[in-house]
Amino acid sequence: IAWTGARPATAAVGSAASTSLSVSWLPAWENDYIRWWKVHHLVLEMPGRILMVLAILTGRLTVVSSPLPGGLFHYLFLFLASAGCLLFLSGPLRYDPILSVAGSGLVALCVATATLTAHVVGLAGADADKLQSQLRDVLKNIACMGGFIAVFGYDLPKISTSPGSRAACLRPLQRHAGVFLALGHILVALVFLLAGSMLRIQGFVNIARWRKYPAPALMGFMAFLFTAGGSVCLIVGALAQLPLPLCAGDKACAIVLCIATYSGHWVELSNSSGDQHAEHCRALMKNLSIIGALLTMLSIDILGL
């Protein structure tokens, strides 16, 4: 499948392209389902990419420490981040992987800068409540950054780096495209893995009771299963280059995060004000960016089936 028609299907994370659109051991109806998504994967990818850049375009990623006077660094950061988002979105629309690679790389650097200056620096000397909030923001930013790194690693091999071409300088990076793709999946999985290991089953059950979900014991157990199991699938699939666990992990983590985002932040927007309202808005946008990263990675991983 050529880049100009549909993006090449990869046999596994970072592996060579494959032209097969079916899986030999699956029933015919499941092969038809997979074949449809492989051909129409932009149905997942473009909404995912749009969600990924929401936190940046709405100003939910900020820089608080500036080495330049007069807030110049802040405005420079916003300009570079916005330009990266536009490149990131225009890549698949113009069928130009260079735009996508440039945009994803630039946005990943901006997210890393925002995480370092706005959250990591603030960890020192923070009280218990502030420390928990900062750590949560750090993990969410890392997950957002992981999505851009995964796209960077996926689009990198699609660029022509023949001698004399405009992208010849990217040839050394192309040798490590699979590393970037796997690293992106792992960074996204970390926030879910840590949430599952810290809350465990009882923690999720308590949250389900607090939110007044029906059958809280079952809901809590399923939330733990999707959170911990999905993150493990992402990590194992990325390290072992197995697309099936990757697809399962993408779906599981996206489902549980959608429910958590709606009940934990969207519903609370109408019941909060001031700093608490701003906190819910920021958390909502970051969660949507992570959901977008999972959808985008799913559109990539499903091509490997």
Protein backbone atom coordinates (compact mmCIF):
# COMPACT_ATOMS: atom_id res chain seq x y z
CA ILE A 1 0.00 0.00 0.00
CA ALA A 2 1.65 3.23 -1.08
CA TRP A 3 1.76 6.36 1.05
CA THR A 4 -0.37 8.23 -1.50
CA GLY A 5 -3.26 5.76 -1.19
CA ALA A 6 -3.17 4.65 2.42
CA ARG A 7 -0.32 4.49 4.84
CA PRO A 8 1.74 1.29 4.79
CA ALA A 9 0.73 -1.49 7.15
CA THR A 10 3.48 -2.61 9.48
CA ALA A 11 3.82 -6.24 10.47
CA ALA A 12 4.82 -5.20 14.00
CA VAL A 13 6.23 -2.27 15.90
CA GLY A 14 9.18 -0.95 13.94
CA SER A 15 9.22 -3.82 11.47
CA ALA A 16 9.07 -3.83 7.69
CA ALA A 17 5.86 -3.06 5.84
CA SER A 18 3.39 -5.76 4.95
CA THR A 19 0.75 -5.70 2.22
CA SER A 20 -1.50 -8.33 3.82
CA LEU A 21 -4.94 -7.09 4.83
CA SER A 22 -6.14 -10.26 6.57
CA VAL A 23 -5.12 -12.55 9.43
CA SER A 24 -5.07 -16.23 8.43
CA TRP A 25 -6.28 -17.68 11.74
CA LEU A 26 -9.26 -15.33 12.26
CA PRO A 27 -12.85 -16.00 11.06
CA ALA A 28 -13.91 -14.35 7.82
CA TRP A 29 -16.10 -11.72 9.51
CA GLU A 30 -13.23 -10.62 11.76
CA ASN A 31 -10.92 -10.39 8.78
CA ASP A 32 -13.51 -8.18 7.07
CA TYR A 33 -13.58 -5.98 10.20
CA ILE A 34 -9.80 -5.69 10.30
CA ARG A 35 -9.60 -5.11 6.55
CA TRP A 36 -12.10 -2.24 6.80
CA TRP A 37 -10.14 -0.53 9.58
CA LYS A 38 -6.85 -0.96 7.71
CA VAL A 39 -8.26 0.76 4.65
CA HIS A 40 -10.12 3.46 6.62
CA HIS A 41 -7.67 3.89 9.49
CA LEU A 42 -7.74 7.67 9.10
CA VAL A 43 -11.22 7.49 10.67
CA LEU A 44 -9.36 6.77 13.91
CA GLU A 45 -6.15 8.62 13.23
CA MET A 46 -7.38 12.12 12.41
CA PRO A 47 -9.76 12.45 15.41
CA GLY A 48 -6.95 11.05 17.53
CA ARG A 49 -4.49 13.62 16.25
CA ILE A 50 -6.97 16.44 16.83
CA LEU A 51 -7.53 15.32 20.42
CA MET A 52 -3.77 15.05 20.96
CA VAL A 53 -3.17 18.74 20.26
CA LEU A 54 -6.15 20.06 22.27
CA ALA A 55 -4.22 20.59 25.51
CA ILE A 56 -1.57 22.57 23.64
CA LEU A 57 -3.85 24.69 21.45
CA THR A 58 -6.07 25.56 24.44
CA GLY A 59 -3.06 26.67 26.50
CA ARG A 60 -3.25 23.86 29.06
CA LEU A 61 0.50 23.29 28.76
CA THR A 62 2.36 26.24 30.25
CA VAL A 63 5.93 27.27 30.99
CA VAL A 64 6.45 28.97 34.35
CA SER A 65 10.23 29.49 34.44
CA SER A 66 11.77 31.56 31.66
CA PRO A 67 15.46 32.15 30.90
CA LEU A 68 14.47 35.15 28.74
CA PRO A 69 13.11 38.50 30.05
CA GLY A 70 9.63 39.88 29.57
CA GLY A 71 7.89 36.58 29.02
CA LEU A 72 9.58 36.21 25.64
CA PHE A 73 10.29 32.53 26.25
CA HIS A 74 6.60 31.89 26.98
CA TYR A 75 5.49 33.44 23.70
CA LEU A 76 8.23 31.64 21.80
CA PHE A 77 7.09 28.38 23.37
CA LEU A 78 3.47 28.98 22.37
CA PHE A 79 4.50 29.84 18.80
CA LEU A 80 6.65 26.73 18.40
CA ALA A 81 4.03 24.48 20.01
CA SER A 82 1.25 25.87 17.80
CA ALA A 83 3.39 25.54 14.66
CA GLY A 84 4.20 21.95 15.63
CA CYS A 85 0.49 21.17 16.08
CA LEU A 86 -0.33 22.53 12.62
CA LEU A 87 2.45 20.48 11.02
CA PHE A 88 1.33 17.42 13.00
CA LEU A 89 -2.25 17.74 11.73
CA SER A 90 -1.36 18.58 8.14
CA GLY A 91 0.98 15.58 7.63
CA PRO A 92 -1.65 12.89 6.94
CA LEU A 93 -3.95 15.33 5.14
CA ARG A 94 -1.24 16.26 2.65
CA TYR A 95 0.21 12.72 2.60
CA ASP A 96 3.59 14.19 3.56
CA PRO A 97 5.38 12.26 6.32
CA ILE A 98 8.00 14.99 6.68
CA LEU A 99 5.37 17.39 8.01
CA SER A 100 4.11 14.79 10.47
CA VAL A 101 7.62 13.94 11.70
CA ALA A 102 8.57 17.60 12.07
CA GLY A 103 5.35 18.40 13.91
CA SER A 104 5.42 15.41 16.25
CA GLY A 105 9.08 15.98 17.10
CA LEU A 106 8.56 19.69 17.76
CA VAL A 107 5.47 19.16 19.92
CA ALA A 108 7.20 16.38 21.90
CA LEU A 109 10.06 18.78 22.69
CA CYS A 110 7.58 21.48 23.74
CA VAL A 111 5.71 19.08 26.02
CA ALA A 112 9.01 17.97 27.57
CA THR A 113 9.95 21.62 28.18
CA ALA A 114 6.58 22.41 29.76
CA THR A 115 6.79 19.32 31.97
CA LEU A 116 10.28 20.21 33.18
CA THR A 117 9.65 23.89 33.88
CA ALA A 118 6.07 23.78 35.15
CA HIS A 119 5.99 20.52 37.11
CA VAL A 120 9.34 18.80 37.70
CA VAL A 121 10.91 21.99 39.04
CA GLY A 122 7.94 22.45 41.38
CA LEU A 123 8.33 19.01 42.96
CA ALA A 124 11.04 20.22 45.31
CA GLY A 125 9.57 21.71 48.46
CA ALA A 126 5.94 20.93 47.57
CA ASP A 127 3.58 19.80 50.33
CA ALA A 128 1.84 16.42 50.21
CA ASP A 129 -1.28 17.55 48.31
CA LYS A 130 0.69 19.72 45.89
CA LEU A 131 3.22 16.95 45.36
CA GLN A 132 0.49 14.46 44.38
CA SER A 133 -1.01 16.97 41.94
CA GLN A 134 2.38 17.73 40.37
CA LEU A 135 3.23 14.05 40.00
CA ARG A 136 -0.12 13.41 38.34
CA ASP A 137 0.51 16.25 35.89
CA VAL A 138 4.02 14.95 35.16
CA LEU A 139 2.70 11.47 34.36
CA LYS A 140 -0.07 12.84 32.13
CA ASN A 141 2.39 15.06 30.26
CA ILE A 142 4.71 12.09 29.77
CA ALA A 143 1.79 10.11 28.34
CA CYS A 144 0.92 12.98 25.98
CA MET A 145 4.56 13.18 24.93
CA GLY A 146 4.61 9.41 24.36
CA GLY A 147 1.84 9.71 21.79
CA PHE A 148 3.84 12.20 19.73
CA ILE A 149 6.98 10.07 20.01
CA ALA A 150 5.04 7.03 18.76
CA VAL A 151 3.81 8.95 15.71
CA PHE A 152 7.34 10.25 15.15
CA GLY A 153 8.66 6.69 15.10
CA TYR A 154 5.88 5.46 12.81
CA ASP A 155 6.15 8.20 10.18
CA LEU A 156 9.95 8.35 10.17
CA PRO A 157 10.52 5.30 7.88
CA LYS A 158 8.07 6.72 5.31
CA ILE A 159 10.41 9.60 4.48
CA SER A 160 12.71 9.29 1.49
CA THR A 161 16.26 9.88 2.73
CA SER A 162 18.18 9.16 -0.47
CA PRO A 163 21.44 11.14 -0.89
CA GLY A 164 20.72 14.67 -2.01
CA SER A 165 17.12 14.69 -0.81
CA ARG A 166 15.83 17.33 1.59
CA ALA A 167 15.49 14.74 4.37
CA ALA A 168 18.85 12.98 3.94
CA CYS A 169 19.89 14.15 7.40
CA LEU A 170 17.18 11.95 8.93
CA ARG A 171 18.72 8.70 7.71
CA PRO A 172 20.55 7.98 11.04
CA LEU A 173 17.27 8.45 12.92
CA GLN A 174 15.43 6.06 10.60
CA ARG A 175 17.54 3.18 11.90
CA HIS A 176 15.97 3.72 15.33
CA ALA A 177 12.37 4.33 14.22
CA GLY A 178 11.20 1.15 15.95
CA VAL A 179 12.76 2.34 19.21
CA PHE A 180 10.83 5.62 19.05
CA LEU A 181 7.58 3.78 18.28
CA ALA A 182 8.03 1.32 21.15
CA LEU A 183 9.14 4.06 23.54
CA GLY A 184 6.02 6.09 22.76
CA HIS A 185 3.77 3.15 23.61
CA ILE A 186 5.61 2.55 26.88
CA LEU A 187 5.43 6.20 27.95
CA VAL A 188 1.67 6.24 27.36
CA ALA A 189 1.29 2.99 29.33
CA LEU A 190 3.20 4.28 32.38
CA VAL A 191 0.40 6.48 33.71
CA PHE A 192 -2.05 3.55 33.57
CA LEU A 193 0.43 1.08 35.05
CA LEU A 194 1.17 3.34 38.01
CA ALA A 195 -2.52 4.11 38.54
CA GLY A 196 -3.34 0.40 38.61
CA SER A 197 -0.47 -0.44 40.96
CA MET A 198 -1.30 2.39 43.38
CA LEU A 199 -5.10 2.09 43.51
CA ARG A 200 -5.38 -1.68 43.06
CA ILE A 201 -8.79 -3.32 43.01
CA GLN A 202 -10.02 -1.85 46.30
CA GLY A 203 -9.11 1.67 45.25
CA PHE A 204 -11.14 1.39 42.06
CA VAL A 205 -14.04 -0.14 43.99
CA ASN A 206 -14.00 2.80 46.42
CA ILE A 207 -14.03 5.25 43.51
CA ALA A 208 -16.97 3.40 41.93
CA ARG A 209 -18.89 3.63 45.23
CA TRP A 210 -18.04 7.32 45.61
CA ARG A 211 -19.27 7.98 42.05
CA LYS A 212 -22.37 5.86 42.75
CA TYR A 213 -21.81 3.50 39.85
CA PRO A 214 -24.13 0.46 39.63
CA ALA A 215 -22.51 -2.75 40.90
CA PRO A 216 -19.46 -0.89 42.27
CA ALA A 217 -17.54 -4.08 43.08
CA LEU A 218 -17.81 -5.29 39.49
CA MET A 219 -17.16 -1.83 38.03
CA GLY A 220 -14.10 -1.39 40.23
CA PHE A 221 -12.72 -4.78 39.29
CA MET A 222 -13.27 -4.13 35.57
CA ALA A 223 -11.63 -0.69 35.87
CA PHE A 224 -8.58 -2.27 37.49
CA LEU A 225 -8.50 -5.01 34.85
CA PHE A 226 -8.67 -2.54 31.97
CA THR A 227 -6.15 -0.15 33.55
CA ALA A 228 -3.51 -2.64 34.68
CA GLY A 229 -4.12 -5.21 31.94
CA GLY A 230 -4.21 -2.60 29.20
CA SER A 231 -0.93 -1.02 30.32
CA VAL A 232 0.78 -4.43 30.52
CA CYS A 233 -0.47 -5.26 27.01
CA LEU A 234 0.98 -2.01 25.71
CA ILE A 235 4.38 -2.59 27.31
CA VAL A 236 4.63 -6.26 26.37
CA GLY A 237 3.38 -5.59 22.84
CA ALA A 238 5.86 -2.77 22.34
CA LEU A 239 8.84 -4.74 23.64
CA ALA A 240 7.92 -7.97 21.82
CA GLN A 241 6.64 -6.22 18.66
CA LEU A 242 3.22 -7.90 18.88
CA PRO A 243 0.38 -5.89 17.29
CA LEU A 244 -2.48 -7.85 18.88
CA PRO A 245 -1.59 -6.98 22.52
CA LEU A 246 -0.95 -3.41 21.39
CA CYS A 247 -4.45 -3.11 19.91
CA ALA A 248 -5.98 -4.67 23.03
CA GLY A 249 -4.04 -2.31 25.29
CA ASP A 250 -4.98 0.76 23.23
CA LYS A 251 -8.68 -0.11 23.43
CA ALA A 252 -8.69 -1.04 27.13
CA CYS A 253 -6.86 2.09 28.27
CA ALA A 254 -8.98 4.35 26.04
CA ILE A 255 -12.24 2.91 27.40
CA VAL A 256 -11.32 3.29 31.06
CA LEU A 257 -9.92 6.79 30.52
CA CYS A 258 -13.07 7.93 28.68
CA ILE A 259 -15.21 6.84 31.64
CA ALA A 260 -12.83 8.40 34.18
CA THR A 261 -12.65 11.67 32.23
CA TYR A 262 -16.42 12.00 31.97
CA SER A 263 -17.25 11.15 35.59
CA GLY A 264 -14.16 12.67 37.20
CA HIS A 265 -13.80 15.95 35.30
CA TRP A 266 -16.57 16.68 32.76
CA VAL A 267 -19.37 16.20 35.29
CA GLU A 268 -17.45 18.17 37.93
CA LEU A 269 -17.05 21.24 35.69
CA SER A 270 -20.60 22.37 36.50
CA ASN A 271 -20.09 21.76 40.22
CA SER A 272 -16.84 23.65 40.70
CA SER A 273 -15.49 27.18 40.46
CA GLY A 274 -12.27 29.13 40.74
CA ASP A 275 -9.05 27.16 41.01
CA GLN A 276 -10.90 23.86 41.24
CA HIS A 277 -12.72 24.56 37.97
CA ALA A 278 -9.43 25.47 36.27
CA GLU A 279 -7.87 22.25 37.58
CA HIS A 280 -10.72 20.16 36.13
CA CYS A 281 -10.39 21.97 32.78
CA ARG A 282 -6.66 21.28 32.62
CA ALA A 283 -7.09 17.64 33.63
CA LEU A 284 -9.93 17.20 31.11
CA MET A 285 -7.84 18.52 28.22
CA LYS A 286 -4.83 16.40 29.16
CA ASN A 287 -7.01 13.29 29.43
CA LEU A 288 -8.48 14.02 26.00
CA SER A 289 -4.94 14.31 24.63
CA ILE A 290 -4.07 10.90 26.08
CA ILE A 291 -7.25 9.42 24.61
CA GLY A 292 -6.24 10.91 21.27
CA ALA A 293 -2.80 9.33 21.60
CA LEU A 294 -4.40 5.93 22.24
CA LEU A 295 -6.71 6.29 19.21
CA THR A 296 -3.79 7.33 17.01
CA MET A 297 -1.66 4.45 18.21
CA LEU A 298 -4.57 2.08 17.62
CA SER A 299 -4.79 3.29 14.02
CA ILE A 300 -1.09 2.46 13.70
CA ASP A 301 -1.14 -0.85 15.54
CA ILE A 302 -4.16 -2.23 13.69
CA LEU A 303 -2.15 -2.03 10.47
CA GLY A 304 0.19 -4.65 11.88
CA LEU A 305 -2.49 -7.34 12.32
